[in-house]
Amino acid sequence: MKLKPLADRVLLKQEKAEATTKSGIILPETAQEKTQTAKVEAVGPGTEKEKITVKVGDRVMYDKYAGVQLKIDGDEYLIVKNSDIIAIVE
């Protein structure tokens, strides 16, 4: 399935959280906090008021409670507004 965001929306593929701590303790998935970083998979065309500031392939950080979560073919995605993206990770 392919998704193309509309207007000022961005499709993000969420990154997996670390499964172990720095000291080597293995964390079960239920105890892991979701990361706030993701890879940009697709971008909408933008609007006259809101231009898209990221491109496909960028790693970004987003607001904790932003967007709509989707699960497609076992992968977790998030559709957020461009304004919910707070940083590009380099």
PDB file of N, CA and C in Angstrom:
ATOM      1  N   MET A   1       0.843  -1.178   0.000  1.00  0.00           N
ATOM      2  CA  MET A   1       0.000   0.000   0.000  1.00  0.00           C
ATOM      3  C   MET A   1       0.890   1.243   0.000  1.00  0.00           C
ATOM      4  N   LYS A   2       0.544   2.221  -0.810  1.00  0.00           N
ATOM      5  CA  LYS A   2       1.264   3.489  -0.826  1.00  0.00           C
ATOM      6  C   LYS A   2       0.349   4.590  -0.320  1.00  0.00           C
ATOM      7  N   LEU A   3       0.910   5.466   0.498  1.00  0.00           N
ATOM      8  CA  LEU A   3       0.165   6.607   1.013  1.00  0.00           C
ATOM      9  C   LEU A   3       0.840   7.882   0.552  1.00  0.00           C
ATOM     10  N   LYS A   4       0.041   8.847   0.115  1.00  0.00           N
ATOM     11  CA  LYS A   4       0.560  10.158  -0.241  1.00  0.00           C
ATOM     12  C   LYS A   4      -0.175  11.177   0.620  1.00  0.00           C
ATOM     13  N   PRO A   5       0.546  11.826   1.523  1.00  0.00           N
ATOM     14  CA  PRO A   5      -0.092  12.819   2.388  1.00  0.00           C
ATOM     15  C   PRO A   5      -0.627  14.004   1.594  1.00  0.00           C
ATOM     16  N   LEU A   6      -1.655  14.625   2.115  1.00  0.00           N
ATOM     17  CA  LEU A   6      -2.249  15.797   1.489  1.00  0.00           C
ATOM     18  C   LEU A   6      -1.834  17.060   2.236  1.00  0.00           C
ATOM     19  N   ALA A   7      -1.932  18.187   1.571  1.00  0.00           N
ATOM     20  CA  ALA A   7      -1.675  19.518   2.151  1.00  0.00           C
ATOM     21  C   ALA A   7      -0.312  19.562   2.845  1.00  0.00           C
ATOM     22  N   ASP A   8      -0.293  19.978   4.121  1.00  0.00           N
ATOM     23  CA  ASP A   8       0.974  20.143   4.843  1.00  0.00           C
ATOM     24  C   ASP A   8       1.282  18.948   5.740  1.00  0.00           C
ATOM     25  N   ARG A   9       0.835  17.763   5.345  1.00  0.00           N
ATOM     26  CA  ARG A   9       1.065  16.555   6.130  1.00  0.00           C
ATOM     27  C   ARG A   9       2.343  15.832   5.678  1.00  0.00           C
ATOM     28  N   VAL A  10       2.938  15.083   6.629  1.00  0.00           N
ATOM     29  CA  VAL A  10       4.168  14.330   6.365  1.00  0.00           C
ATOM     30  C   VAL A  10       3.977  12.919   6.904  1.00  0.00           C
ATOM     31  N   LEU A  11       4.359  11.900   6.119  1.00  0.00           N
ATOM     32  CA  LEU A  11       4.290  10.513   6.543  1.00  0.00           C
ATOM     33  C   LEU A  11       5.647  10.107   7.110  1.00  0.00           C
ATOM     34  N   LEU A  12       5.651   9.650   8.364  1.00  0.00           N
ATOM     35  CA  LEU A  12       6.878   9.266   9.049  1.00  0.00           C
ATOM     36  C   LEU A  12       6.851   7.783   9.374  1.00  0.00           C
ATOM     37  N   LYS A  13       8.003   7.123   9.246  1.00  0.00           N
ATOM     38  CA  LYS A  13       8.149   5.734   9.690  1.00  0.00           C
ATOM     39  C   LYS A  13       8.878   5.778  11.017  1.00  0.00           C
ATOM     40  N   GLN A  14       8.204   5.324  12.065  1.00  0.00           N
ATOM     41  CA  GLN A  14       8.762   5.418  13.400  1.00  0.00           C
ATOM     42  C   GLN A  14       9.930   4.457  13.563  1.00  0.00           C
ATOM     43  N   GLU A  15      10.969   4.932  14.277  1.00  0.00           N
ATOM     44  CA  GLU A  15      12.130   4.108  14.554  1.00  0.00           C
ATOM     45  C   GLU A  15      11.857   3.234  15.766  1.00  0.00           C
ATOM     46  N   LYS A  16      12.492   2.096  15.806  1.00  0.00           N
ATOM     47  CA  LYS A  16      12.341   1.176  16.938  1.00  0.00           C
ATOM     48  C   LYS A  16      13.116   1.713  18.133  1.00  0.00           C
ATOM     49  N   ALA A  17      12.575   1.506  19.317  1.00  0.00           N
ATOM     50  CA  ALA A  17      13.247   1.901  20.552  1.00  0.00           C
ATOM     51  C   ALA A  17      14.365   0.905  20.851  1.00  0.00           C
ATOM     52  N   GLU A  18      15.361   1.356  21.582  1.00  0.00           N
ATOM     53  CA  GLU A  18      16.458   0.488  21.982  1.00  0.00           C
ATOM     54  C   GLU A  18      15.925  -0.631  22.877  1.00  0.00           C
ATOM     55  N   ALA A  19      16.380  -1.858  22.643  1.00  0.00           N
ATOM     56  CA  ALA A  19      15.913  -3.003  23.409  1.00  0.00           C
ATOM     57  C   ALA A  19      16.736  -3.243  24.674  1.00  0.00           C
ATOM     58  N   THR A  20      17.903  -2.615  24.769  1.00  0.00           N
ATOM     59  CA  THR A  20      18.734  -2.782  25.959  1.00  0.00           C
ATOM     60  C   THR A  20      19.186  -1.418  26.465  1.00  0.00           C
ATOM     61  N   THR A  21      19.451  -1.349  27.755  1.00  0.00           N
ATOM     62  CA  THR A  21      19.962  -0.112  28.333  1.00  0.00           C
ATOM     63  C   THR A  21      21.476  -0.074  28.160  1.00  0.00           C
ATOM     64  N   LYS A  22      22.095   1.041  28.503  1.00  0.00           N
ATOM     65  CA  LYS A  22      23.549   1.160  28.395  1.00  0.00           C
ATOM     66  C   LYS A  22      24.269   0.161  29.277  1.00  0.00           C
ATOM     67  N   SER A  23      23.641  -0.223  30.375  1.00  0.00           N
ATOM     68  CA  SER A  23      24.269  -1.180  31.284  1.00  0.00           C
ATOM     69  C   SER A  23      23.996  -2.636  30.889  1.00  0.00           C
ATOM     70  N   GLY A  24      23.241  -2.857  29.794  1.00  0.00           N
ATOM     71  CA  GLY A  24      23.022  -4.207  29.286  1.00  0.00           C
ATOM     72  C   GLY A  24      21.728  -4.866  29.709  1.00  0.00           C
ATOM     73  N   ILE A  25      20.861  -4.146  30.399  1.00  0.00           N
ATOM     74  CA  ILE A  25      19.576  -4.718  30.817  1.00  0.00           C
ATOM     75  C   ILE A  25      18.635  -4.764  29.617  1.00  0.00           C
ATOM     76  N   ILE A  26      18.043  -5.930  29.374  1.00  0.00           N
ATOM     77  CA  ILE A  26      17.124  -6.097  28.239  1.00  0.00           C
ATOM     78  C   ILE A  26      15.731  -5.658  28.670  1.00  0.00           C
ATOM     79  N   LEU A  27      15.133  -4.755  27.874  1.00  0.00           N
ATOM     80  CA  LEU A  27      13.799  -4.240  28.181  1.00  0.00           C
ATOM     81  C   LEU A  27      12.754  -4.909  27.289  1.00  0.00           C
ATOM     82  N   PRO A  28      11.654  -5.404  27.881  1.00  0.00           N
ATOM     83  CA  PRO A  28      10.576  -5.931  27.038  1.00  0.00           C
ATOM     84  C   PRO A  28       9.876  -4.772  26.315  1.00  0.00           C
ATOM     85  N   GLU A  29       9.205  -5.086  25.213  1.00  0.00           N
ATOM     86  CA  GLU A  29       8.547  -4.030  24.431  1.00  0.00           C
ATOM     87  C   GLU A  29       7.543  -3.237  25.237  1.00  0.00           C
ATOM     88  N   THR A  30       6.868  -3.871  26.176  1.00  0.00           N
ATOM     89  CA  THR A  30       5.857  -3.172  26.962  1.00  0.00           C
ATOM     90  C   THR A  30       6.464  -2.120  27.882  1.00  0.00           C
ATOM     91  N   ALA A  31       7.735  -2.259  28.233  1.00  0.00           N
ATOM     92  CA  ALA A  31       8.399  -1.315  29.135  1.00  0.00           C
ATOM     93  C   ALA A  31       9.138  -0.215  28.386  1.00  0.00           C
ATOM     94  N   GLN A  32       9.239  -0.335  27.068  1.00  0.00           N
ATOM     95  CA  GLN A  32       9.978   0.643  26.280  1.00  0.00           C
ATOM     96  C   GLN A  32       9.121   1.854  25.975  1.00  0.00           C
ATOM     97  N   GLU A  33       9.734   3.012  26.083  1.00  0.00           N
ATOM     98  CA  GLU A  33       9.043   4.237  25.706  1.00  0.00           C
ATOM     99  C   GLU A  33       9.276   4.461  24.216  1.00  0.00           C
ATOM    100  N   LYS A  34       8.232   4.860  23.505  1.00  0.00           N
ATOM    101  CA  LYS A  34       8.381   5.093  22.071  1.00  0.00           C
ATOM    102  C   LYS A  34       9.326   6.258  21.821  1.00  0.00           C
ATOM    103  N   THR A  35      10.110   6.123  20.768  1.00  0.00           N
ATOM    104  CA  THR A  35      11.020   7.208  20.420  1.00  0.00           C
ATOM    105  C   THR A  35      10.238   8.329  19.766  1.00  0.00           C
ATOM    106  N   GLN A  36      10.818   9.484  19.722  1.00  0.00           N
ATOM    107  CA  GLN A  36      10.205  10.615  19.037  1.00  0.00           C
ATOM    108  C   GLN A  36      11.004  10.961  17.797  1.00  0.00           C
ATOM    109  N   THR A  37      11.714   9.978  17.261  1.00  0.00           N
ATOM    110  CA  THR A  37      12.436  10.175  16.013  1.00  0.00           C
ATOM    111  C   THR A  37      11.857   9.244  14.961  1.00  0.00           C
ATOM    112  N   ALA A  38      11.925   9.694  13.717  1.00  0.00           N
ATOM    113  CA  ALA A  38      11.365   8.912  12.620  1.00  0.00           C
ATOM    114  C   ALA A  38      12.032   9.327  11.315  1.00  0.00           C
ATOM    115  N   LYS A  39      11.824   8.513  10.295  1.00  0.00           N
ATOM    116  CA  LYS A  39      12.336   8.799   8.959  1.00  0.00           C
ATOM    117  C   LYS A  39      11.173   9.267   8.089  1.00  0.00           C
ATOM    118  N   VAL A  40      11.393  10.319   7.317  1.00  0.00           N
ATOM    119  CA  VAL A  40      10.354  10.849   6.431  1.00  0.00           C
ATOM    120  C   VAL A  40      10.205   9.909   5.231  1.00  0.00           C
ATOM    121  N   GLU A  41       9.007   9.384   5.038  1.00  0.00           N
ATOM    122  CA  GLU A  41       8.717   8.463   3.936  1.00  0.00           C
ATOM    123  C   GLU A  41       8.043   9.162   2.760  1.00  0.00           C
ATOM    124  N   ALA A  42       7.198  10.161   3.037  1.00  0.00           N
ATOM    125  CA  ALA A  42       6.494  10.892   1.981  1.00  0.00           C
ATOM    126  C   ALA A  42       6.060  12.242   2.530  1.00  0.00           C
ATOM    127  N   VAL A  43       5.948  13.226   1.636  1.00  0.00           N
ATOM    128  CA  VAL A  43       5.511  14.560   2.039  1.00  0.00           C
ATOM    129  C   VAL A  43       4.380  15.023   1.135  1.00  0.00           C
ATOM    130  N   GLY A  44       3.500  15.830   1.691  1.00  0.00           N
ATOM    131  CA  GLY A  44       2.422  16.418   0.912  1.00  0.00           C
ATOM    132  C   GLY A  44       2.950  17.602   0.111  1.00  0.00           C
ATOM    133  N   PRO A  45       2.105  18.189  -0.731  1.00  0.00           N
ATOM    134  CA  PRO A  45       2.538  19.304  -1.564  1.00  0.00           C
ATOM    135  C   PRO A  45       2.686  20.627  -0.816  1.00  0.00           C
ATOM    136  N   GLY A  46       2.179  20.703   0.408  1.00  0.00           N
ATOM    137  CA  GLY A  46       2.213  21.967   1.147  1.00  0.00           C
ATOM    138  C   GLY A  46       1.028  22.832   0.774  1.00  0.00           C
ATOM    139  N   THR A  47       0.926  23.981   1.415  1.00  0.00           N
ATOM    140  CA  THR A  47      -0.134  24.936   1.119  1.00  0.00           C
ATOM    141  C   THR A  47       0.509  26.304   0.937  1.00  0.00           C
ATOM    142  N   GLU A  48      -0.290  27.278   0.562  1.00  0.00           N
ATOM    143  CA  GLU A  48       0.249  28.636   0.401  1.00  0.00           C
ATOM    144  C   GLU A  48       0.761  29.181   1.726  1.00  0.00           C
ATOM    145  N   LYS A  49       0.077  28.848   2.815  1.00  0.00           N
ATOM    146  CA  LYS A  49       0.470  29.341   4.135  1.00  0.00           C
ATOM    147  C   LYS A  49       1.580  28.504   4.754  1.00  0.00           C
ATOM    148  N   GLU A  50       1.581  27.199   4.503  1.00  0.00           N
ATOM    149  CA  GLU A  50       2.515  26.281   5.149  1.00  0.00           C
ATOM    150  C   GLU A  50       3.339  25.522   4.107  1.00  0.00           C
ATOM    151  N   LYS A  51       4.607  25.868   4.003  1.00  0.00           N
ATOM    152  CA  LYS A  51       5.521  25.177   3.096  1.00  0.00           C
ATOM    153  C   LYS A  51       6.134  23.980   3.818  1.00  0.00           C
ATOM    154  N   ILE A  52       6.383  22.902   3.092  1.00  0.00           N
ATOM    155  CA  ILE A  52       7.000  21.713   3.683  1.00  0.00           C
ATOM    156  C   ILE A  52       8.495  21.977   3.849  1.00  0.00           C
ATOM    157  N   THR A  53       9.021  21.715   5.037  1.00  0.00           N
ATOM    158  CA  THR A  53      10.418  22.042   5.348  1.00  0.00           C
ATOM    159  C   THR A  53      11.325  20.823   5.400  1.00  0.00           C
ATOM    160  N   VAL A  54      10.785  19.626   5.167  1.00  0.00           N
ATOM    161  CA  VAL A  54      11.587  18.407   5.180  1.00  0.00           C
ATOM    162  C   VAL A  54      11.447  17.691   3.845  1.00  0.00           C
ATOM    163  N   LYS A  55      12.345  16.741   3.597  1.00  0.00           N
ATOM    164  CA  LYS A  55      12.268  15.971   2.356  1.00  0.00           C
ATOM    165  C   LYS A  55      12.329  14.480   2.682  1.00  0.00           C
ATOM    166  N   VAL A  56      11.965  13.643   1.738  1.00  0.00           N
ATOM    167  CA  VAL A  56      11.983  12.198   1.923  1.00  0.00           C
ATOM    168  C   VAL A  56      13.402  11.759   2.263  1.00  0.00           C
ATOM    169  N   GLY A  57      13.515  10.916   3.288  1.00  0.00           N
ATOM    170  CA  GLY A  57      14.817  10.409   3.717  1.00  0.00           C
ATOM    171  C   GLY A  57      15.381  11.116   4.941  1.00  0.00           C
ATOM    172  N   ASP A  58      14.870  12.299   5.288  1.00  0.00           N
ATOM    173  CA  ASP A  58      15.344  13.015   6.477  1.00  0.00           C
ATOM    174  C   ASP A  58      14.956  12.247   7.739  1.00  0.00           C
ATOM    175  N   ARG A  59      15.821  12.299   8.765  1.00  0.00           N
ATOM    176  CA  ARG A  59      15.474  11.819  10.106  1.00  0.00           C
ATOM    177  C   ARG A  59      15.031  13.030  10.896  1.00  0.00           C
ATOM    178  N   VAL A  60      13.875  12.940  11.540  1.00  0.00           N
ATOM    179  CA  VAL A  60      13.303  14.088  12.240  1.00  0.00           C
ATOM    180  C   VAL A  60      12.856  13.712  13.646  1.00  0.00           C
ATOM    181  N   MET A  61      12.693  14.738  14.479  1.00  0.00           N
ATOM    182  CA  MET A  61      12.063  14.599  15.791  1.00  0.00           C
ATOM    183  C   MET A  61      10.713  15.297  15.703  1.00  0.00           C
ATOM    184  N   TYR A  62       9.713  14.742  16.391  1.00  0.00           N
ATOM    185  CA  TYR A  62       8.367  15.314  16.333  1.00  0.00           C
ATOM    186  C   TYR A  62       7.790  15.421  17.740  1.00  0.00           C
ATOM    187  N   ASP A  63       6.732  16.216  17.871  1.00  0.00           N
ATOM    188  CA  ASP A  63       6.048  16.373  19.156  1.00  0.00           C
ATOM    189  C   ASP A  63       5.534  15.022  19.642  1.00  0.00           C
ATOM    190  N   LYS A  64       5.557  14.825  20.949  1.00  0.00           N
ATOM    191  CA  LYS A  64       5.231  13.535  21.550  1.00  0.00           C
ATOM    192  C   LYS A  64       3.818  13.055  21.227  1.00  0.00           C
ATOM    193  N   TYR A  65       2.837  13.922  21.267  1.00  0.00           N
ATOM    194  CA  TYR A  65       1.445  13.506  21.064  1.00  0.00           C
ATOM    195  C   TYR A  65       0.896  13.944  19.708  1.00  0.00           C
ATOM    196  N   ALA A  66       1.757  14.075  18.730  1.00  0.00           N
ATOM    197  CA  ALA A  66       1.350  14.570  17.419  1.00  0.00           C
ATOM    198  C   ALA A  66       0.895  13.431  16.505  1.00  0.00           C
ATOM    199  N   GLY A  67       0.019  13.771  15.594  1.00  0.00           N
ATOM    200  CA  GLY A  67      -0.291  12.908  14.475  1.00  0.00           C
ATOM    201  C   GLY A  67      -1.249  11.761  14.705  1.00  0.00           C
ATOM    202  N   VAL A  68      -1.417  10.993  13.630  1.00  0.00           N
ATOM    203  CA  VAL A  68      -2.289   9.828  13.590  1.00  0.00           C
ATOM    204  C   VAL A  68      -1.406   8.606  13.353  1.00  0.00           C
ATOM    205  N   GLN A  69      -1.504   7.604  14.225  1.00  0.00           N
ATOM    206  CA  GLN A  69      -0.679   6.412  14.086  1.00  0.00           C
ATOM    207  C   GLN A  69      -1.355   5.403  13.169  1.00  0.00           C
ATOM    208  N   LEU A  70      -0.537   4.756  12.322  1.00  0.00           N
ATOM    209  CA  LEU A  70      -1.009   3.723  11.404  1.00  0.00           C
ATOM    210  C   LEU A  70      -0.086   2.522  11.508  1.00  0.00           C
ATOM    211  N   LYS A  71      -0.619   1.343  11.210  1.00  0.00           N
ATOM    212  CA  LYS A  71       0.216   0.153  11.139  1.00  0.00           C
ATOM    213  C   LYS A  71      -0.052  -0.482   9.784  1.00  0.00           C
ATOM    214  N   ILE A  72       0.989  -0.544   8.946  1.00  0.00           N
ATOM    215  CA  ILE A  72       0.859  -1.083   7.594  1.00  0.00           C
ATOM    216  C   ILE A  72       1.922  -2.156   7.414  1.00  0.00           C
ATOM    217  N   ASP A  73       1.495  -3.365   7.080  1.00  0.00           N
ATOM    218  CA  ASP A  73       2.413  -4.494   6.872  1.00  0.00           C
ATOM    219  C   ASP A  73       3.373  -4.680   8.037  1.00  0.00           C
ATOM    220  N   GLY A  74       2.907  -4.487   9.256  1.00  0.00           N
ATOM    221  CA  GLY A  74       3.726  -4.702  10.441  1.00  0.00           C
ATOM    222  C   GLY A  74       4.614  -3.536  10.832  1.00  0.00           C
ATOM    223  N   ASP A  75       4.695  -2.503   9.994  1.00  0.00           N
ATOM    224  CA  ASP A  75       5.508  -1.323  10.311  1.00  0.00           C
ATOM    225  C   ASP A  75       4.619  -0.211  10.848  1.00  0.00           C
ATOM    226  N   GLU A  76       5.165   0.552  11.803  1.00  0.00           N
ATOM    227  CA  GLU A  76       4.399   1.653  12.386  1.00  0.00           C
ATOM    228  C   GLU A  76       4.733   2.962  11.682  1.00  0.00           C
ATOM    229  N   TYR A  77       3.687   3.679  11.298  1.00  0.00           N
ATOM    230  CA  TYR A  77       3.825   4.963  10.628  1.00  0.00           C
ATOM    231  C   TYR A  77       3.055   6.020  11.404  1.00  0.00           C
ATOM    232  N   LEU A  78       3.343   7.256  11.081  1.00  0.00           N
ATOM    233  CA  LEU A  78       2.688   8.375  11.733  1.00  0.00           C
ATOM    234  C   LEU A  78       2.479   9.457  10.674  1.00  0.00           C
ATOM    235  N   ILE A  79       1.275  10.012  10.605  1.00  0.00           N
ATOM    236  CA  ILE A  79       1.023  11.149   9.724  1.00  0.00           C
ATOM    237  C   ILE A  79       0.898  12.382  10.613  1.00  0.00           C
ATOM    238  N   VAL A  80       1.792  13.351  10.399  1.00  0.00           N
ATOM    239  CA  VAL A  80       1.824  14.562  11.216  1.00  0.00           C
ATOM    240  C   VAL A  80       1.753  15.794  10.330  1.00  0.00           C
ATOM    241  N   LYS A  81       1.379  16.910  10.932  1.00  0.00           N
ATOM    242  CA  LYS A  81       1.460  18.184  10.232  1.00  0.00           C
ATOM    243  C   LYS A  81       2.920  18.623  10.203  1.00  0.00           C
ATOM    244  N   ASN A  82       3.288  19.361   9.201  1.00  0.00           N
ATOM    245  CA  ASN A  82       4.653  19.865   9.095  1.00  0.00           C
ATOM    246  C   ASN A  82       5.053  20.645  10.344  1.00  0.00           C
ATOM    247  N   SER A  83       4.118  21.380  10.932  1.00  0.00           N
ATOM    248  CA  SER A  83       4.414  22.187  12.117  1.00  0.00           C
ATOM    249  C   SER A  83       4.671  21.337  13.365  1.00  0.00           C
ATOM    250  N   ASP A  84       4.297  20.035  13.346  1.00  0.00           N
ATOM    251  CA  ASP A  84       4.562  19.148  14.479  1.00  0.00           C
ATOM    252  C   ASP A  84       5.990  18.586  14.461  1.00  0.00           C
ATOM    253  N   ILE A  85       6.713  18.795  13.375  1.00  0.00           N
ATOM    254  CA  ILE A  85       8.104  18.362  13.297  1.00  0.00           C
ATOM    255  C   ILE A  85       8.947  19.452  13.941  1.00  0.00           C
ATOM    256  N   ILE A  86       9.748  19.053  14.950  1.00  0.00           N
ATOM    257  CA  ILE A  86      10.468  20.070  15.724  1.00  0.00           C
ATOM    258  C   ILE A  86      11.946  20.161  15.376  1.00  0.00           C
ATOM    259  N   ALA A  87      12.521  19.134  14.706  1.00  0.00           N
ATOM    260  CA  ALA A  87      13.948  19.194  14.371  1.00  0.00           C
ATOM    261  C   ALA A  87      14.288  18.157  13.313  1.00  0.00           C
ATOM    262  N   ILE A  88      15.353  18.437  12.561  1.00  0.00           N
ATOM    263  CA  ILE A  88      15.938  17.482  11.641  1.00  0.00           C
ATOM    264  C   ILE A  88      17.199  16.946  12.325  1.00  0.00           C
ATOM    265  N   VAL A  89      17.300  15.622  12.404  1.00  0.00           N
ATOM    266  CA  VAL A  89      18.455  14.991  13.053  1.00  0.00           C
ATOM    267  C   VAL A  89      19.518  14.736  11.990  1.00  0.00           C
ATOM    268  N   GLU A  90      20.715  15.258  12.220  1.00  0.00           N
ATOM    269  CA  GLU A  90      21.801  15.064  11.247  1.00  0.00           C
ATOM    270  C   GLU A  90      22.821  14.088  11.739  1.00  0.00           C
TER     271      GLU A  90
END
